[in-house]
């Protein structure tokens, strides 16, 4: 037994009991149950793989896969990616024990995540490119390719945690993935359909060569990351452990609300803000709401990212996400972008005493804070509907963007002002099993108001554009926002 293992056993001897056969049985039973539940989803995904190649579907699928990979890489970079438990951070990380041995459990968890994400990426690539020949050889080759890319990306983030130069390289990788997604979307729209068809129908030897090169590169990066794990500064690991611990506590406690505060604090910690006089032309509630605009203006990258995500509904439509998939992507994207402008409302709900010291009437303040989320949500929805019209997925529905803006603002403000999850709420029995009402009520708070205010827009999305539906949406959205601002109680 190594020194690190002996120290771990010593520090946990009085806390953790010895694992029995029943513990191992429960763990194995849980894994088997997870496999049984996931197998129907995997079967349906394999059945949905087309036998031929559609260039538009291939371009959209490749673009979505690249964007998801960029998002996963950015999330891994923001999370650490290597962190340790609170006990190890307090007792083992700052000891003379080998740093790599202390981080070994985190490395194993990262490897397991890479395996899952790599297999999912390979399945997504197979669904996008199709299987002109036999499905099994194409699927196995693309899954191997996805695993290699996942291991390479994870190794790069580990190296980035140990070196600033590699961290810059990870940022460059994210930019390359976003550019590749844009190129795939443009090629699938028409100019490069032949190239995408040739890529999808390439012989198996070519794919085998690409997979071999990818595996070799991933292995080299993994070796370098394993060597660099012993040189990661303790401060970087402590920061990653703190962020991961807070996020895990929020998720396991079924209260994702603190995640917004975690992200906000992580962004502003250590930054120096410029002090400027209050704008002379603003008075009352408008002056109090002005810092939300300044806060968002200091983060132009966030605005650029929000604008770029407006193409996701169009890509989802081209990738074959039928039924309610495209409206769900539209609703989720508009709600997320509108919520980016509700930091002030979230702060008011979290500290009622500070909100009273602002010296603004509650109704006027809530109305002033609704302007920014309305502008953000309406602009994003307009861009997304324009992109859907450009690819021929819908008619001319872009006027619904500004018309839905008041309802989106009301929903975003209600989400920002909702209370924490009430875990004492009763449990409701359903055919799918017991459902706790506390987390369900928390998740629906805000979404219900936005859905109520956007009912005419949903009807227009199903039936097509029409002046009567546009007028109904304008009245419904304005009425929902006015009614919500007239009763400025906490959500």
Protein backbone atom coordinates (compact mmCIF):
# COMPACT_ATOMS: atom_id res chain seq x y z
CA UNK A 1 0.00 0.00 0.00
CA UNK A 2 1.37 3.41 -0.98
CA UNK A 3 1.86 6.27 1.44
CA UNK A 4 -1.12 8.15 0.03
CA UNK A 5 -3.37 5.11 0.42
CA UNK A 6 -2.23 4.61 4.02
CA UNK A 7 -2.90 8.26 4.85
CA UNK A 8 -6.34 8.06 3.22
CA UNK A 9 -7.16 4.95 5.24
CA UNK A 10 -5.96 6.64 8.44
CA UNK A 11 -7.94 9.85 7.95
CA UNK A 12 -11.13 8.01 6.98
CA UNK A 13 -10.93 5.15 9.47
CA UNK A 14 -13.25 6.86 11.93
CA UNK A 15 -15.61 8.27 9.31
CA UNK A 16 -16.24 5.62 6.70
CA UNK A 17 -17.11 2.08 7.63
CA UNK A 18 -15.72 -0.92 5.80
CA UNK A 19 -17.58 -1.78 2.58
CA UNK A 20 -19.61 -4.97 2.88
CA UNK A 21 -20.97 -7.33 0.27
CA UNK A 22 -24.37 -5.56 0.45
CA UNK A 23 -22.71 -2.24 -0.47
CA UNK A 24 -21.09 -3.82 -3.49
CA UNK A 25 -24.36 -5.52 -4.43
CA UNK A 26 -26.27 -2.21 -4.29
CA UNK A 27 -23.62 -0.53 -6.43
CA UNK A 28 -23.70 -3.32 -8.99
CA UNK A 29 -27.50 -3.37 -8.97
CA UNK A 30 -27.59 0.39 -9.61
CA UNK A 31 -25.23 0.07 -12.55
CA UNK A 32 -27.27 -2.77 -14.04
CA UNK A 33 -30.49 -0.80 -13.57
CA UNK A 34 -28.91 2.22 -15.27
CA UNK A 35 -27.86 0.04 -18.20
CA UNK A 36 -31.38 -1.41 -18.49
CA UNK A 37 -32.94 2.06 -18.51
CA UNK A 38 -30.44 3.39 -21.05
CA UNK A 39 -30.64 0.46 -23.46
CA UNK A 40 -34.04 1.44 -24.97
CA UNK A 41 -32.78 4.96 -25.62
CA UNK A 42 -29.67 3.57 -27.27
CA UNK A 43 -31.76 1.19 -29.38
CA UNK A 44 -33.99 4.01 -30.60
CA UNK A 45 -30.94 6.15 -31.39
CA UNK A 46 -29.43 3.34 -33.46
CA UNK A 47 -32.71 2.76 -35.28
CA UNK A 48 -32.83 6.46 -36.18
CA UNK A 49 -29.46 6.33 -37.97
CA UNK A 50 -30.24 6.89 -41.69
CA UNK A 51 -29.01 4.40 -44.24
CA UNK A 52 -28.01 7.13 -46.67
CA UNK A 53 -26.36 10.53 -46.32
CA UNK A 54 -28.37 13.76 -46.34
CA UNK A 55 -25.92 16.70 -46.76
CA UNK A 56 -28.15 19.17 -44.92
CA UNK A 57 -28.63 16.76 -42.02
CA UNK A 58 -24.92 15.95 -42.00
CA UNK A 59 -23.91 19.62 -41.87
CA UNK A 60 -26.36 20.42 -39.09
CA UNK A 61 -25.41 17.29 -37.12
CA UNK A 62 -21.69 18.01 -37.40
CA UNK A 63 -22.29 21.62 -36.36
CA UNK A 64 -24.31 20.58 -33.29
CA UNK A 65 -21.70 17.99 -32.32
CA UNK A 66 -18.90 20.55 -32.61
CA UNK A 67 -20.86 23.09 -30.55
CA UNK A 68 -21.60 20.51 -27.84
CA UNK A 69 -17.92 19.55 -27.78
CA UNK A 70 -16.95 23.22 -27.44
CA UNK A 71 -19.43 23.63 -24.60
CA UNK A 72 -18.13 20.54 -22.81
CA UNK A 73 -14.55 21.77 -23.20
CA UNK A 74 -15.46 25.20 -21.85
CA UNK A 75 -17.29 23.60 -18.92
CA UNK A 76 -14.31 21.36 -18.12
CA UNK A 77 -11.99 24.36 -18.27
CA UNK A 78 -14.24 26.36 -15.96
CA UNK A 79 -14.63 23.47 -13.52
CA UNK A 80 -10.95 22.74 -13.14
CA UNK A 81 -11.14 19.98 -14.33
CA UNK A 82 -9.34 18.24 -11.45
CA UNK A 83 -10.69 18.76 -7.97
CA UNK A 84 -10.70 16.76 -4.75
CA UNK A 85 -13.18 16.15 -1.96
CA UNK A 86 -13.34 18.60 0.98
CA UNK A 87 -11.53 16.09 3.21
CA UNK A 88 -8.67 15.64 0.76
CA UNK A 89 -8.47 19.40 0.18
CA UNK A 90 -8.18 19.99 3.92
CA UNK A 91 -5.82 17.13 4.83
CA UNK A 92 -3.95 15.72 1.85
CA UNK A 93 -3.52 18.41 -0.80
CA UNK A 94 -1.08 20.59 1.17
CA UNK A 95 0.92 17.68 2.60
CA UNK A 96 4.22 16.45 1.13
CA UNK A 97 2.41 13.49 -0.42
CA UNK A 98 2.81 13.11 -4.21
CA UNK A 99 0.32 15.42 -5.92
CA UNK A 100 -0.44 12.88 -8.65
CA UNK A 101 -1.40 10.23 -6.08
CA UNK A 102 -3.76 12.66 -4.35
CA UNK A 103 -5.40 13.50 -7.70
CA UNK A 104 -5.70 9.90 -8.89
CA UNK A 105 -9.42 9.54 -7.91
CA UNK A 106 -10.22 12.73 -9.81
CA UNK A 107 -8.30 11.43 -12.82
CA UNK A 108 -10.31 8.19 -12.75
CA UNK A 109 -13.59 10.11 -12.62
CA UNK A 110 -12.43 12.26 -15.54
CA UNK A 111 -11.57 9.13 -17.52
CA UNK A 112 -15.06 7.71 -16.90
CA UNK A 113 -16.67 10.96 -18.03
CA UNK A 114 -14.49 10.90 -21.15
CA UNK A 115 -15.67 7.38 -21.95
CA UNK A 116 -19.35 8.37 -21.70
CA UNK A 117 -18.97 11.63 -23.63
CA UNK A 118 -16.77 10.02 -26.28
CA UNK A 119 -19.28 7.25 -26.91
CA UNK A 120 -22.09 9.82 -27.12
CA UNK A 121 -20.06 11.90 -29.58
CA UNK A 122 -19.41 8.84 -31.75
CA UNK A 123 -23.13 8.00 -31.78
CA UNK A 124 -23.98 11.60 -32.68
CA UNK A 125 -21.47 11.54 -35.56
CA UNK A 126 -22.94 8.27 -36.81
CA UNK A 127 -26.44 9.73 -36.75
CA UNK A 128 -25.27 12.86 -38.58
CA UNK A 129 -23.22 11.17 -41.31
CA UNK A 130 -25.45 8.12 -41.74
CA UNK A 131 -24.36 4.56 -42.44
CA UNK A 132 -24.23 3.97 -46.21
CA UNK A 133 -22.73 0.53 -45.60
CA UNK A 134 -22.82 -1.70 -42.54
CA UNK A 135 -23.85 0.09 -39.35
CA UNK A 136 -21.62 -1.75 -36.87
CA UNK A 137 -18.22 -0.99 -38.48
CA UNK A 138 -19.19 2.67 -38.99
CA UNK A 139 -20.46 2.98 -35.42
CA UNK A 140 -17.42 1.29 -33.85
CA UNK A 141 -15.00 3.45 -35.82
CA UNK A 142 -16.76 6.72 -34.98
CA UNK A 143 -17.12 5.74 -31.31
CA UNK A 144 -13.37 5.07 -31.20
CA UNK A 145 -12.83 8.44 -32.84
CA UNK A 146 -15.08 10.14 -30.29
CA UNK A 147 -13.28 8.45 -27.40
CA UNK A 148 -9.92 9.59 -28.75
CA UNK A 149 -11.10 13.17 -29.12
CA UNK A 150 -12.67 13.16 -25.63
CA UNK A 151 -9.43 11.88 -24.06
CA UNK A 152 -7.41 14.46 -25.99
CA UNK A 153 -9.70 17.30 -24.89
CA UNK A 154 -9.64 16.18 -21.24
CA UNK A 155 -5.86 15.85 -21.31
CA UNK A 156 -5.58 19.37 -22.75
CA UNK A 157 -7.72 20.79 -19.94
CA UNK A 158 -5.57 19.01 -17.34
CA UNK A 159 -2.48 20.49 -18.96
CA UNK A 160 -4.23 23.86 -19.00
CA UNK A 161 -4.79 23.60 -15.25
CA UNK A 162 -1.03 23.14 -14.81
CA UNK A 163 0.21 25.64 -17.41
CA UNK A 164 -1.01 29.02 -18.66
CA UNK A 165 0.27 28.26 -22.15
CA UNK A 166 -1.87 25.15 -22.38
CA UNK A 167 -4.84 27.05 -20.98
CA UNK A 168 -4.48 29.47 -23.89
CA UNK A 169 -4.32 26.46 -26.21
CA UNK A 170 -7.60 25.16 -24.75
CA UNK A 171 -9.24 28.51 -25.47
CA UNK A 172 -7.93 28.26 -29.03
CA UNK A 173 -9.39 24.74 -29.30
CA UNK A 174 -12.80 26.06 -28.25
CA UNK A 175 -12.58 28.78 -30.88
CA UNK A 176 -11.59 26.22 -33.54
CA UNK A 177 -14.56 24.01 -32.62
CA UNK A 178 -16.95 26.96 -32.89
CA UNK A 179 -15.45 27.92 -36.27
CA UNK A 180 -15.74 24.29 -37.42
CA UNK A 181 -19.40 24.27 -36.39
CA UNK A 182 -20.04 27.41 -38.42
CA UNK A 183 -18.22 25.94 -41.42
CA UNK A 184 -20.19 22.68 -41.22
CA UNK A 185 -23.48 24.57 -41.03
CA UNK A 186 -22.56 26.71 -44.05
CA UNK A 187 -21.38 23.68 -46.06
CA UNK A 188 -24.56 21.78 -45.29
CA UNK A 189 -26.69 24.71 -46.44
CA UNK A 190 -25.59 24.29 -50.05
CA UNK A 191 -22.03 25.26 -51.08
CA UNK A 192 -20.32 22.16 -49.72
CA UNK A 193 -22.90 19.42 -49.97
CA UNK A 194 -20.67 17.39 -52.28
CA UNK A 195 -17.81 17.64 -49.81
CA UNK A 196 -20.03 16.44 -46.97
CA UNK A 197 -21.31 13.57 -49.09
CA UNK A 198 -17.76 12.57 -49.97
CA UNK A 199 -16.82 12.74 -46.28
CA UNK A 200 -19.73 10.55 -45.23
CA UNK A 201 -19.11 7.98 -47.97
CA UNK A 202 -15.33 7.81 -47.50
CA UNK A 203 -13.93 4.24 -47.48
CA UNK A 204 -13.36 2.45 -44.22
CA UNK A 205 -9.58 2.59 -44.64
CA UNK A 206 -9.66 6.39 -44.54
CA UNK A 207 -11.72 6.40 -41.34
CA UNK A 208 -9.40 3.80 -39.82
CA UNK A 209 -6.39 5.98 -40.60
CA UNK A 210 -8.04 9.03 -39.01
CA UNK A 211 -8.95 6.97 -35.95
CA UNK A 212 -5.39 5.63 -35.64
CA UNK A 213 -3.89 9.11 -35.82
CA UNK A 214 -6.44 10.40 -33.29
CA UNK A 215 -5.74 7.54 -30.87
CA UNK A 216 -1.99 8.14 -31.13
CA UNK A 217 -2.39 11.86 -30.51
CA UNK A 218 -4.76 11.27 -27.60
CA UNK A 219 -2.35 8.77 -26.04
CA UNK A 220 0.52 11.25 -26.29
CA UNK A 221 -1.56 14.00 -24.68
CA UNK A 222 -2.75 11.60 -21.96
CA UNK A 223 0.84 10.71 -21.10
CA UNK A 224 1.77 14.40 -20.87
CA UNK A 225 -1.30 15.10 -18.72
CA UNK A 226 -0.42 12.23 -16.37
CA UNK A 227 3.07 13.66 -15.97
CA UNK A 228 1.72 17.20 -15.47
CA UNK A 229 -0.79 16.11 -12.81
CA UNK A 230 2.01 16.10 -10.27
CA UNK A 231 2.87 19.74 -11.06
CA UNK A 232 -0.59 21.30 -10.83
CA UNK A 233 -0.47 24.16 -8.30
CA UNK A 234 -2.36 23.56 -5.08
CA UNK A 235 -4.23 26.85 -5.52
CA UNK A 236 -5.70 25.73 -8.85
CA UNK A 237 -6.85 22.43 -7.34
CA UNK A 238 -8.35 24.19 -4.31
CA UNK A 239 -10.30 26.60 -6.53
CA UNK A 240 -11.58 23.74 -8.68
CA UNK A 241 -12.50 21.73 -5.57
CA UNK A 242 -14.44 24.66 -4.12
CA UNK A 243 -16.41 25.25 -7.34
CA UNK A 244 -17.09 21.56 -7.83
CA UNK A 245 -18.16 21.12 -4.22
CA UNK A 246 -20.61 24.02 -4.36
CA UNK A 247 -22.06 22.84 -7.66
CA UNK A 248 -22.34 19.24 -6.42
CA UNK A 249 -24.06 20.42 -3.26
CA UNK A 250 -26.56 22.45 -5.27
CA UNK A 251 -27.32 19.53 -7.59
CA UNK A 252 -27.50 16.80 -4.94
CA UNK A 253 -29.59 19.07 -2.73
CA UNK A 254 -32.02 19.51 -5.64
CA UNK A 255 -31.59 23.30 -5.46
CA UNK A 256 -29.83 24.54 -8.61
CA UNK A 257 -30.53 28.17 -7.71
CA UNK A 258 -27.10 28.82 -6.12
CA UNK A 259 -25.38 27.86 -9.40
CA UNK A 260 -26.11 31.33 -10.76
CA UNK A 261 -24.45 32.93 -7.73
CA UNK A 262 -21.47 30.58 -8.05
CA UNK A 263 -20.92 31.57 -11.68
CA UNK A 264 -21.35 35.27 -10.88
CA UNK A 265 -18.93 35.21 -7.96
CA UNK A 266 -16.36 33.23 -9.96
CA UNK A 267 -16.44 35.85 -12.71
CA UNK A 268 -16.08 38.96 -10.56
CA UNK A 269 -13.71 37.59 -7.91
CA UNK A 270 -10.33 39.31 -8.14
CA UNK A 271 -11.46 41.89 -10.71
CA UNK A 272 -11.13 45.62 -10.25
CA UNK A 273 -14.17 47.68 -11.23
CA UNK A 274 -13.88 51.24 -12.44
CA UNK A 275 -15.71 53.85 -10.34
CA UNK A 276 -17.79 56.30 -12.31
CA UNK A 277 -20.43 58.86 -11.30
CA UNK A 278 -24.10 57.96 -11.50
CA UNK A 279 -25.67 58.90 -14.85
CA UNK A 280 -27.19 62.36 -14.45
CA UNK A 281 -29.98 61.70 -16.95
CA UNK A 282 -31.41 58.75 -14.98
CA UNK A 283 -33.69 59.10 -12.00
CA UNK A 284 -35.53 56.73 -9.68
CA UNK A 285 -36.04 53.13 -10.69
CA UNK A 286 -34.34 53.60 -14.06
CA UNK A 287 -31.13 54.67 -12.30
CA UNK A 288 -31.30 51.64 -9.98
CA UNK A 289 -31.76 49.28 -12.95
CA UNK A 290 -28.91 50.85 -14.93
CA UNK A 291 -26.12 48.74 -13.27
CA UNK A 292 -27.63 45.62 -14.89
CA UNK A 293 -26.97 47.14 -18.30
CA UNK A 294 -23.43 48.15 -17.29
CA UNK A 295 -22.75 44.69 -15.88
CA UNK A 296 -23.77 43.05 -19.13
CA UNK A 297 -21.89 45.64 -21.19
CA UNK A 298 -18.67 44.70 -19.41
CA UNK A 299 -19.06 41.14 -20.73
CA UNK A 300 -19.20 41.44 -24.52
CA UNK A 301 -18.13 37.82 -24.95
CA UNK A 302 -21.33 36.70 -23.23
CA UNK A 303 -23.43 38.80 -25.61
CA UNK A 304 -21.55 37.42 -28.62
CA UNK A 305 -22.07 33.87 -27.38
CA UNK A 306 -25.78 34.49 -26.85
CA UNK A 307 -26.11 35.87 -30.38
CA UNK A 308 -24.23 32.90 -31.84
CA UNK A 309 -26.52 30.40 -30.13
CA UNK A 310 -29.48 31.78 -32.10
CA UNK A 311 -28.60 29.34 -34.88
CA UNK A 312 -29.16 26.31 -32.65
CA UNK A 313 -32.92 25.95 -33.40
CA UNK A 314 -32.17 26.07 -37.16
CA UNK A 315 -29.45 23.45 -36.76
CA UNK A 316 -31.81 21.29 -34.69
CA UNK A 317 -34.43 21.52 -37.44
CA UNK A 318 -31.90 20.58 -40.13
CA UNK A 319 -30.61 17.69 -38.01
CA UNK A 320 -34.08 16.13 -37.99
CA UNK A 321 -35.23 17.09 -34.50
CA UNK A 322 -38.92 16.97 -35.28
CA UNK A 323 -42.11 17.29 -33.29
CA UNK A 324 -41.80 19.49 -30.22
CA UNK A 325 -37.99 19.49 -30.34
CA UNK A 326 -37.52 22.79 -32.16
CA UNK A 327 -40.07 24.72 -30.02
CA UNK A 328 -38.39 23.35 -26.89
CA UNK A 329 -34.99 24.56 -28.12
CA UNK A 330 -36.52 27.97 -28.88
CA UNK A 331 -38.14 28.20 -25.45
CA UNK A 332 -35.03 27.08 -23.57
CA UNK A 333 -32.75 29.43 -25.49
CA UNK A 334 -35.02 32.47 -25.13
CA UNK A 335 -35.51 31.84 -21.41
CA UNK A 336 -31.76 31.38 -20.81
CA UNK A 337 -30.81 34.55 -22.71
CA UNK A 338 -33.53 36.60 -21.00
CA UNK A 339 -32.34 35.35 -17.60
CA UNK A 340 -28.88 36.78 -18.28
CA UNK A 341 -30.28 40.24 -17.52
CA UNK A 342 -31.95 39.47 -14.20
CA UNK A 343 -29.02 39.70 -11.79
CA UNK A 344 -30.49 42.78 -10.11
CA UNK A 345 -33.85 41.12 -9.55
CA UNK A 346 -32.10 38.05 -8.12
CA UNK A 347 -30.13 40.28 -5.77
CA UNK A 348 -33.28 42.12 -4.66
CA UNK A 349 -35.03 38.83 -3.88
CA UNK A 350 -32.01 37.55 -1.95
CA UNK A 351 -31.65 40.64 0.26
CA UNK A 352 -34.93 42.39 0.99
CA UNK A 353 -33.28 44.95 3.30
CA UNK A 354 -30.89 46.07 0.56
CA UNK A 355 -33.79 46.31 -1.90
CA UNK A 356 -35.63 48.67 0.49
CA UNK A 357 -32.54 50.87 0.77
CA UNK A 358 -32.56 51.48 -3.00
CA UNK A 359 -35.26 54.11 -2.53
CA UNK A 360 -37.40 53.02 -5.52
CA UNK A 361 -41.02 51.93 -5.54
CA UNK A 362 -41.29 48.14 -5.89
CA UNK A 363 -43.59 48.24 -8.92
CA UNK A 364 -41.54 50.86 -10.73
CA UNK A 365 -38.30 49.03 -9.92
CA UNK A 366 -39.64 45.72 -11.20
CA UNK A 367 -40.86 47.37 -14.40
CA UNK A 368 -37.45 49.00 -14.92
CA UNK A 369 -35.67 45.71 -14.34
CA UNK A 370 -37.93 44.04 -16.93
CA UNK A 371 -36.59 46.11 -19.82
CA UNK A 372 -33.21 44.37 -20.14
CA UNK A 373 -34.51 40.74 -20.14
CA UNK A 374 -37.23 41.80 -22.59
CA UNK A 375 -34.65 43.23 -24.98
CA UNK A 376 -32.36 40.22 -24.66
CA UNK A 377 -35.06 37.54 -24.97
CA UNK A 378 -36.89 39.32 -27.77
CA UNK A 379 -33.74 39.95 -29.80
CA UNK A 380 -32.56 36.35 -29.45
CA UNK A 381 -35.95 34.95 -30.39
CA UNK A 382 -36.08 37.24 -33.44
CA UNK A 383 -32.69 36.03 -34.62
CA UNK A 384 -33.61 32.39 -34.01
CA UNK A 385 -36.89 32.66 -35.92
CA UNK A 386 -35.11 34.45 -38.77
CA UNK A 387 -32.60 31.61 -38.97
CA UNK A 388 -35.43 29.05 -39.00
CA UNK A 389 -37.09 30.95 -41.85
CA UNK A 390 -33.78 31.06 -43.74
CA UNK A 391 -33.46 27.27 -43.70
CA UNK A 392 -37.09 26.79 -44.67
CA UNK A 393 -38.20 25.22 -41.39
CA UNK A 394 -40.95 27.80 -40.68
CA UNK A 395 -42.72 30.71 -42.29
CA UNK A 396 -42.12 34.39 -41.59
CA UNK A 397 -42.51 34.19 -37.81
CA UNK A 398 -39.78 36.68 -36.88
CA UNK A 399 -42.33 39.32 -35.66
CA UNK A 400 -43.08 36.97 -32.76
CA UNK A 401 -39.66 37.84 -31.29
CA UNK A 402 -40.46 41.39 -30.13
CA UNK A 403 -44.07 40.43 -29.43
CA UNK A 404 -42.99 37.64 -27.03
CA UNK A 405 -40.43 39.87 -25.29
CA UNK A 406 -42.73 41.05 -22.43
CA UNK A 407 -43.80 37.49 -21.59
CA UNK A 408 -40.19 36.30 -21.66
CA UNK A 409 -39.20 39.15 -19.33
CA UNK A 410 -41.99 38.26 -16.90
CA UNK A 411 -40.94 34.61 -16.87
CA UNK A 412 -37.26 35.47 -16.42
CA UNK A 413 -38.00 37.83 -13.52
CA UNK A 414 -40.19 35.21 -11.87
CA UNK A 415 -37.40 32.64 -12.22
CA UNK A 416 -34.86 35.08 -10.76
CA UNK A 417 -37.09 35.88 -7.75
CA UNK A 418 -38.27 32.37 -6.90
CA UNK A 419 -37.61 30.92 -3.49
CA UNK A 420 -35.30 27.96 -2.82
CA UNK A 421 -36.61 24.45 -3.30
CA UNK A 422 -39.08 23.46 -0.60
CA UNK A 423 -38.05 19.94 0.31
CA UNK A 424 -40.85 19.61 2.87
CA UNK A 425 -43.46 19.58 0.10
CA UNK A 426 -45.40 16.32 -0.31
CA UNK A 427 -44.61 13.65 -2.88
CA UNK A 428 -47.12 12.96 -5.65
CA UNK A 429 -47.61 9.41 -6.92
CA UNK A 430 -47.67 9.13 -10.71
CA UNK A 431 -47.65 6.17 -13.14
CA UNK A 432 -43.94 6.84 -13.64
CA UNK A 433 -43.22 6.76 -9.90
CA UNK A 434 -43.24 9.24 -7.01
CA UNK A 435 -42.49 12.85 -7.95
CA UNK A 436 -41.46 15.37 -5.25
CA UNK A 437 -43.57 18.49 -5.62
CA UNK A 438 -40.94 20.86 -4.20
CA UNK A 439 -38.39 20.54 -7.05
CA UNK A 440 -41.21 20.30 -9.61
CA UNK A 441 -42.78 23.53 -8.38
CA UNK A 442 -39.37 25.23 -8.38
CA UNK A 443 -38.69 24.12 -11.96
CA UNK A 444 -42.07 25.33 -13.22
CA UNK A 445 -41.87 28.71 -11.50
CA UNK A 446 -41.28 31.23 -14.26
CA UNK A 447 -41.77 28.77 -17.07
CA UNK A 448 -45.50 28.76 -16.37
CA UNK A 449 -45.74 32.54 -16.70
CA UNK A 450 -43.71 32.62 -19.92
CA UNK A 451 -45.80 29.81 -21.38
CA UNK A 452 -49.02 31.61 -20.49
CA UNK A 453 -47.82 34.78 -22.15
CA UNK A 454 -46.63 32.97 -25.30
CA UNK A 455 -49.70 30.82 -26.02
CA UNK A 456 -50.64 32.77 -29.20
CA UNK A 457 -47.04 32.43 -30.39
CA UNK A 458 -47.23 28.66 -29.96
CA UNK A 459 -50.45 28.64 -31.97
CA UNK A 460 -48.76 30.70 -34.69
CA UNK A 461 -45.82 28.30 -34.72
CA UNK A 462 -48.19 25.39 -35.29
CA UNK A 463 -50.66 27.02 -37.69
CA UNK A 464 -48.45 29.53 -39.49
CA UNK A 465 -48.17 33.33 -39.38
CA UNK A 466 -51.31 35.44 -39.11
CA UNK A 467 -52.22 39.01 -38.18
CA UNK A 468 -54.81 37.90 -35.63
CA UNK A 469 -52.33 35.68 -33.79
CA UNK A 470 -49.75 38.48 -33.85
CA UNK A 471 -52.24 40.90 -32.29
CA UNK A 472 -53.25 38.32 -29.69
CA UNK A 473 -49.60 37.71 -28.80
CA UNK A 474 -48.96 41.44 -28.39
CA UNK A 475 -51.93 41.82 -26.02
CA UNK A 476 -51.22 38.60 -24.11
CA UNK A 477 -47.53 39.34 -23.56
CA UNK A 478 -48.14 42.91 -22.43
CA UNK A 479 -50.96 41.81 -20.12
CA UNK A 480 -48.83 39.12 -18.45
CA UNK A 481 -45.93 41.51 -17.81
CA UNK A 482 -48.25 44.28 -16.56
CA UNK A 483 -50.04 41.90 -14.21
CA UNK A 484 -46.75 40.56 -12.85
CA UNK A 485 -45.28 44.03 -12.26
CA UNK A 486 -48.52 45.15 -10.58
CA UNK A 487 -48.01 42.60 -7.81
CA UNK A 488 -44.26 42.77 -7.04
CA UNK A 489 -44.19 40.05 -4.44
CA UNK A 490 -41.34 37.60 -4.39
CA UNK A 491 -41.94 34.74 -6.84
